[in-house]
Amino acid sequence: RNAAQALDNVPGDREIKLRTRVARGVTLSKRRYRLALALFIEDNGPGVPEAIRDKIFFPLVSGREGGSGLGLTIAQTFIAQHNGAIECDSVPGRTIFTILLPLEFHRAGA
């Protein structure tokens, strides 16, 4: 939803891309995982305002008028509950959120 809202006032072609891959040898929450799911959410919106880039995961921080500032905080909490991580890389014209979630497979009877 954040990516779609970021594109509200973008002229021309608006893009939201979702990409996935398997990452190998990832450390999350101070634990090493052999495999992790990497999910990339990219848009070509205006970018996260520089003044709040370091704070976007804090409660009540929003760069959008009328925004509650809770969405990314809640997302980060859910991801952390699954031993994952979320980060943001943003410049004007491109923002990428990267979510990493550990993949663990258990054998039946193990």
N, C-alpha and C. Protein backbone atom coordinates (compact mmCIF):
# COMPACT_ATOMS: atom_id res chain seq x y z
N ARG A 1 0.82 -1.19 0.00
CA ARG A 1 0.00 0.00 0.00
C ARG A 1 0.87 1.26 0.00
N ASN A 2 1.96 1.25 0.77
CA ASN A 2 2.83 2.43 0.81
C ASN A 2 3.38 2.76 -0.57
N ALA A 3 3.79 1.74 -1.32
CA ALA A 3 4.34 1.98 -2.66
C ALA A 3 3.28 2.59 -3.57
N ALA A 4 2.07 2.06 -3.51
CA ALA A 4 0.99 2.60 -4.34
C ALA A 4 0.68 4.04 -3.97
N GLN A 5 0.65 4.35 -2.68
CA GLN A 5 0.39 5.72 -2.24
C GLN A 5 1.52 6.66 -2.66
N ALA A 6 2.73 6.16 -2.68
CA ALA A 6 3.88 6.99 -3.07
C ALA A 6 3.79 7.41 -4.54
N LEU A 7 3.05 6.64 -5.33
CA LEU A 7 2.95 6.92 -6.76
C LEU A 7 1.76 7.79 -7.13
N ASP A 8 0.96 8.19 -6.14
CA ASP A 8 -0.25 8.96 -6.42
C ASP A 8 -0.01 10.18 -7.30
N ASN A 9 1.04 10.91 -7.07
CA ASN A 9 1.29 12.16 -7.81
C ASN A 9 2.45 12.06 -8.79
N VAL A 10 2.80 10.85 -9.19
CA VAL A 10 3.91 10.65 -10.13
C VAL A 10 3.36 10.69 -11.56
N PRO A 11 3.87 11.60 -12.39
CA PRO A 11 3.42 11.63 -13.78
C PRO A 11 4.05 10.49 -14.58
N GLY A 12 3.41 10.12 -15.66
CA GLY A 12 3.98 9.10 -16.54
C GLY A 12 3.76 7.69 -16.02
N ASP A 13 4.64 6.80 -16.45
CA ASP A 13 4.52 5.39 -16.07
C ASP A 13 4.87 5.20 -14.61
N ARG A 14 3.98 4.55 -13.91
CA ARG A 14 4.20 4.24 -12.50
C ARG A 14 4.50 2.76 -12.39
N GLU A 15 5.50 2.44 -11.62
CA GLU A 15 5.92 1.03 -11.51
C GLU A 15 6.09 0.62 -10.06
N ILE A 16 5.57 -0.56 -9.75
CA ILE A 16 5.87 -1.25 -8.50
C ILE A 16 6.33 -2.64 -8.91
N LYS A 17 7.54 -2.99 -8.52
CA LYS A 17 8.09 -4.30 -8.87
C LYS A 17 8.29 -5.12 -7.60
N LEU A 18 7.92 -6.38 -7.68
CA LEU A 18 8.19 -7.34 -6.60
C LEU A 18 9.13 -8.39 -7.16
N ARG A 19 10.23 -8.61 -6.47
CA ARG A 19 11.18 -9.64 -6.89
C ARG A 19 11.50 -10.50 -5.68
N THR A 20 11.77 -11.76 -5.94
CA THR A 20 12.17 -12.67 -4.86
C THR A 20 13.41 -13.43 -5.30
N ARG A 21 14.15 -13.88 -4.31
CA ARG A 21 15.26 -14.79 -4.57
C ARG A 21 15.59 -15.50 -3.27
N VAL A 22 16.36 -16.54 -3.38
CA VAL A 22 16.86 -17.23 -2.20
C VAL A 22 18.26 -16.71 -1.92
N ALA A 23 18.46 -16.22 -0.71
CA ALA A 23 19.78 -15.74 -0.29
C ALA A 23 20.45 -16.84 0.52
N ARG A 24 21.74 -17.00 0.33
CA ARG A 24 22.48 -18.05 1.04
C ARG A 24 23.43 -17.44 2.06
N GLY A 25 23.58 -18.13 3.18
CA GLY A 25 24.52 -17.70 4.20
C GLY A 25 24.19 -16.34 4.78
N VAL A 26 22.99 -16.18 5.32
CA VAL A 26 22.51 -14.89 5.81
C VAL A 26 22.50 -14.89 7.34
N THR A 27 22.93 -13.79 7.94
CA THR A 27 22.85 -13.62 9.39
C THR A 27 21.69 -12.68 9.70
N LEU A 28 20.74 -13.18 10.50
CA LEU A 28 19.58 -12.41 10.92
C LEU A 28 19.41 -12.58 12.42
N SER A 29 19.18 -11.51 13.11
CA SER A 29 19.00 -11.55 14.58
C SER A 29 20.13 -12.31 15.25
N LYS A 30 21.35 -12.04 14.82
CA LYS A 30 22.57 -12.63 15.38
C LYS A 30 22.63 -14.15 15.22
N ARG A 31 21.88 -14.68 14.27
CA ARG A 31 21.90 -16.12 14.00
C ARG A 31 22.16 -16.33 12.51
N ARG A 32 22.98 -17.30 12.21
CA ARG A 32 23.34 -17.61 10.82
C ARG A 32 22.35 -18.62 10.25
N TYR A 33 21.83 -18.31 9.06
CA TYR A 33 20.90 -19.20 8.37
C TYR A 33 21.52 -19.61 7.04
N ARG A 34 21.33 -20.86 6.71
CA ARG A 34 21.84 -21.36 5.44
C ARG A 34 21.09 -20.71 4.27
N LEU A 35 19.76 -20.57 4.43
CA LEU A 35 18.93 -19.99 3.37
C LEU A 35 17.96 -18.96 3.95
N ALA A 36 17.67 -17.94 3.16
CA ALA A 36 16.67 -16.95 3.53
C ALA A 36 15.92 -16.51 2.27
N LEU A 37 14.68 -16.13 2.46
CA LEU A 37 13.90 -15.54 1.38
C LEU A 37 14.22 -14.06 1.34
N ALA A 38 14.56 -13.56 0.18
CA ALA A 38 14.76 -12.11 -0.01
C ALA A 38 13.62 -11.60 -0.88
N LEU A 39 12.87 -10.66 -0.37
CA LEU A 39 11.76 -10.05 -1.10
C LEU A 39 12.11 -8.58 -1.30
N PHE A 40 12.08 -8.14 -2.54
CA PHE A 40 12.40 -6.75 -2.89
C PHE A 40 11.13 -6.08 -3.42
N ILE A 41 10.78 -4.94 -2.85
CA ILE A 41 9.62 -4.16 -3.28
C ILE A 41 10.17 -2.81 -3.74
N GLU A 42 10.03 -2.55 -5.04
CA GLU A 42 10.65 -1.36 -5.64
C GLU A 42 9.59 -0.51 -6.32
N ASP A 43 9.70 0.81 -6.17
CA ASP A 43 8.82 1.72 -6.91
C ASP A 43 9.63 2.88 -7.48
N ASN A 44 9.01 3.57 -8.42
CA ASN A 44 9.67 4.72 -9.05
C ASN A 44 9.03 6.04 -8.60
N GLY A 45 8.62 6.07 -7.35
CA GLY A 45 8.02 7.28 -6.78
C GLY A 45 9.06 8.32 -6.40
N PRO A 46 8.64 9.32 -5.65
CA PRO A 46 9.53 10.43 -5.31
C PRO A 46 10.62 10.08 -4.30
N GLY A 47 10.53 8.93 -3.68
CA GLY A 47 11.52 8.55 -2.67
C GLY A 47 11.07 8.98 -1.28
N VAL A 48 11.71 8.40 -0.29
CA VAL A 48 11.44 8.75 1.10
C VAL A 48 12.15 10.07 1.39
N PRO A 49 11.45 11.05 1.95
CA PRO A 49 12.12 12.33 2.25
C PRO A 49 13.38 12.12 3.10
N GLU A 50 14.43 12.79 2.71
CA GLU A 50 15.72 12.62 3.39
C GLU A 50 15.63 12.88 4.90
N ALA A 51 14.79 13.82 5.29
CA ALA A 51 14.68 14.20 6.70
C ALA A 51 14.16 13.07 7.59
N ILE A 52 13.46 12.08 6.99
CA ILE A 52 12.91 11.00 7.81
C ILE A 52 13.46 9.62 7.45
N ARG A 53 14.39 9.53 6.53
CA ARG A 53 14.91 8.23 6.09
C ARG A 53 15.41 7.37 7.23
N ASP A 54 16.07 7.96 8.21
CA ASP A 54 16.61 7.19 9.33
C ASP A 54 15.56 6.86 10.37
N LYS A 55 14.35 7.38 10.21
CA LYS A 55 13.32 7.22 11.24
C LYS A 55 12.06 6.53 10.74
N ILE A 56 12.02 6.07 9.49
CA ILE A 56 10.75 5.61 8.92
C ILE A 56 10.15 4.38 9.61
N PHE A 57 10.95 3.64 10.36
CA PHE A 57 10.41 2.47 11.06
C PHE A 57 9.98 2.81 12.49
N PHE A 58 10.13 4.06 12.90
CA PHE A 58 9.68 4.49 14.23
C PHE A 58 8.17 4.77 14.17
N PRO A 59 7.46 4.51 15.27
CA PRO A 59 6.03 4.81 15.30
C PRO A 59 5.76 6.29 15.08
N LEU A 60 4.68 6.57 14.38
CA LEU A 60 4.15 7.91 14.14
C LEU A 60 5.01 8.77 13.23
N VAL A 61 5.95 8.17 12.51
CA VAL A 61 6.76 8.91 11.53
C VAL A 61 6.19 8.62 10.15
N SER A 62 5.78 9.66 9.44
CA SER A 62 5.21 9.51 8.11
C SER A 62 5.65 10.67 7.24
N GLY A 63 5.91 10.38 5.99
CA GLY A 63 6.26 11.42 5.03
C GLY A 63 5.06 11.82 4.19
N ARG A 64 3.91 11.26 4.51
CA ARG A 64 2.70 11.50 3.73
C ARG A 64 1.68 12.24 4.59
N GLU A 65 1.09 13.28 4.03
CA GLU A 65 0.06 14.01 4.77
C GLU A 65 -1.11 13.07 5.06
N GLY A 66 -1.52 13.04 6.31
CA GLY A 66 -2.61 12.15 6.70
C GLY A 66 -2.16 10.75 7.03
N GLY A 67 -0.87 10.47 6.90
CA GLY A 67 -0.35 9.13 7.21
C GLY A 67 -0.29 8.92 8.71
N SER A 68 -0.56 7.68 9.14
CA SER A 68 -0.54 7.38 10.57
C SER A 68 0.87 7.14 11.09
N GLY A 69 1.76 6.73 10.20
CA GLY A 69 3.12 6.42 10.64
C GLY A 69 3.20 5.10 11.38
N LEU A 70 2.22 4.22 11.17
CA LEU A 70 2.22 2.93 11.86
C LEU A 70 2.52 1.75 10.94
N GLY A 71 2.29 1.90 9.65
CA GLY A 71 2.41 0.77 8.72
C GLY A 71 3.78 0.11 8.72
N LEU A 72 4.84 0.89 8.58
CA LEU A 72 6.18 0.31 8.54
C LEU A 72 6.62 -0.20 9.90
N THR A 73 6.14 0.43 10.96
CA THR A 73 6.44 -0.06 12.31
C THR A 73 5.82 -1.43 12.52
N ILE A 74 4.57 -1.59 12.10
CA ILE A 74 3.88 -2.88 12.23
C ILE A 74 4.55 -3.92 11.36
N ALA A 75 4.89 -3.56 10.13
CA ALA A 75 5.57 -4.51 9.23
C ALA A 75 6.89 -4.96 9.84
N GLN A 76 7.67 -4.02 10.37
CA GLN A 76 8.95 -4.38 10.98
C GLN A 76 8.75 -5.32 12.17
N THR A 77 7.72 -5.08 12.96
CA THR A 77 7.43 -5.93 14.12
C THR A 77 7.10 -7.35 13.69
N PHE A 78 6.23 -7.50 12.69
CA PHE A 78 5.87 -8.84 12.21
C PHE A 78 7.08 -9.57 11.63
N ILE A 79 7.87 -8.86 10.87
CA ILE A 79 9.06 -9.46 10.26
C ILE A 79 10.04 -9.89 11.35
N ALA A 80 10.25 -9.05 12.35
CA ALA A 80 11.16 -9.39 13.46
C ALA A 80 10.65 -10.59 14.25
N GLN A 81 9.34 -10.74 14.39
CA GLN A 81 8.77 -11.89 15.09
C GLN A 81 9.10 -13.20 14.38
N HIS A 82 9.45 -13.11 13.11
CA HIS A 82 9.84 -14.29 12.33
C HIS A 82 11.35 -14.30 12.09
N ASN A 83 12.08 -13.60 12.95
CA ASN A 83 13.55 -13.53 12.90
C ASN A 83 14.07 -12.91 11.61
N GLY A 84 13.27 -12.08 10.97
CA GLY A 84 13.68 -11.45 9.73
C GLY A 84 14.13 -10.01 9.92
N ALA A 85 14.36 -9.36 8.79
CA ALA A 85 14.81 -7.97 8.80
C ALA A 85 14.21 -7.24 7.60
N ILE A 86 14.03 -5.94 7.75
CA ILE A 86 13.56 -5.08 6.66
C ILE A 86 14.45 -3.85 6.62
N GLU A 87 14.78 -3.41 5.43
CA GLU A 87 15.57 -2.19 5.27
C GLU A 87 15.07 -1.43 4.05
N CYS A 88 15.44 -0.17 4.00
CA CYS A 88 14.99 0.71 2.92
C CYS A 88 16.19 1.42 2.30
N ASP A 89 16.21 1.45 0.98
CA ASP A 89 17.20 2.21 0.22
C ASP A 89 16.40 3.14 -0.69
N SER A 90 16.55 4.44 -0.52
CA SER A 90 15.70 5.37 -1.25
C SER A 90 16.47 6.58 -1.75
N VAL A 91 16.23 6.91 -3.00
CA VAL A 91 16.69 8.14 -3.62
C VAL A 91 15.51 8.66 -4.45
N PRO A 92 15.49 9.94 -4.80
CA PRO A 92 14.40 10.42 -5.63
C PRO A 92 14.28 9.59 -6.92
N GLY A 93 13.09 9.07 -7.17
CA GLY A 93 12.84 8.27 -8.37
C GLY A 93 12.98 6.78 -8.17
N ARG A 94 13.44 6.32 -6.99
CA ARG A 94 13.57 4.87 -6.77
C ARG A 94 13.66 4.59 -5.27
N THR A 95 12.77 3.73 -4.81
CA THR A 95 12.83 3.24 -3.43
C THR A 95 12.73 1.73 -3.47
N ILE A 96 13.60 1.08 -2.70
CA ILE A 96 13.57 -0.38 -2.60
C ILE A 96 13.52 -0.76 -1.12
N PHE A 97 12.49 -1.51 -0.77
CA PHE A 97 12.42 -2.14 0.55
C PHE A 97 12.86 -3.58 0.36
N THR A 98 13.77 -4.03 1.20
CA THR A 98 14.25 -5.41 1.16
C THR A 98 13.84 -6.09 2.45
N ILE A 99 13.17 -7.23 2.30
CA ILE A 99 12.75 -8.04 3.44
C ILE A 99 13.49 -9.36 3.36
N LEU A 100 14.13 -9.75 4.45
CA LEU A 100 14.81 -11.04 4.54
C LEU A 100 14.13 -11.87 5.62
N LEU A 101 13.75 -13.10 5.26
CA LEU A 101 13.14 -14.03 6.20
C LEU A 101 13.87 -15.36 6.14
N PRO A 102 14.27 -15.89 7.29
CA PRO A 102 15.00 -17.16 7.26
C PRO A 102 14.11 -18.30 6.77
N LEU A 103 14.72 -19.21 6.04
CA LEU A 103 14.04 -20.42 5.58
C LEU A 103 14.64 -21.60 6.33
N GLU A 104 13.80 -22.30 7.03
CA GLU A 104 14.25 -23.50 7.74
C GLU A 104 13.35 -24.64 7.33
N PHE A 105 13.95 -25.75 7.04
CA PHE A 105 13.21 -26.94 6.66
C PHE A 105 13.45 -28.01 7.71
N HIS A 106 12.38 -28.62 8.17
CA HIS A 106 12.48 -29.67 9.18
C HIS A 106 12.06 -30.99 8.56
N ARG A 107 12.85 -32.01 8.80
CA ARG A 107 12.52 -33.34 8.30
C ARG A 107 11.47 -33.98 9.20
N ALA A 108 10.57 -34.72 8.60
CA ALA A 108 9.56 -35.43 9.37
C ALA A 108 10.25 -36.44 10.27
N GLY A 109 9.84 -36.47 11.53
CA GLY A 109 10.42 -37.42 12.48
C GLY A 109 11.75 -37.00 13.05
N ALA A 110 12.24 -35.83 12.67
CA ALA A 110 13.55 -35.38 13.17
C ALA A 110 13.42 -34.67 14.48
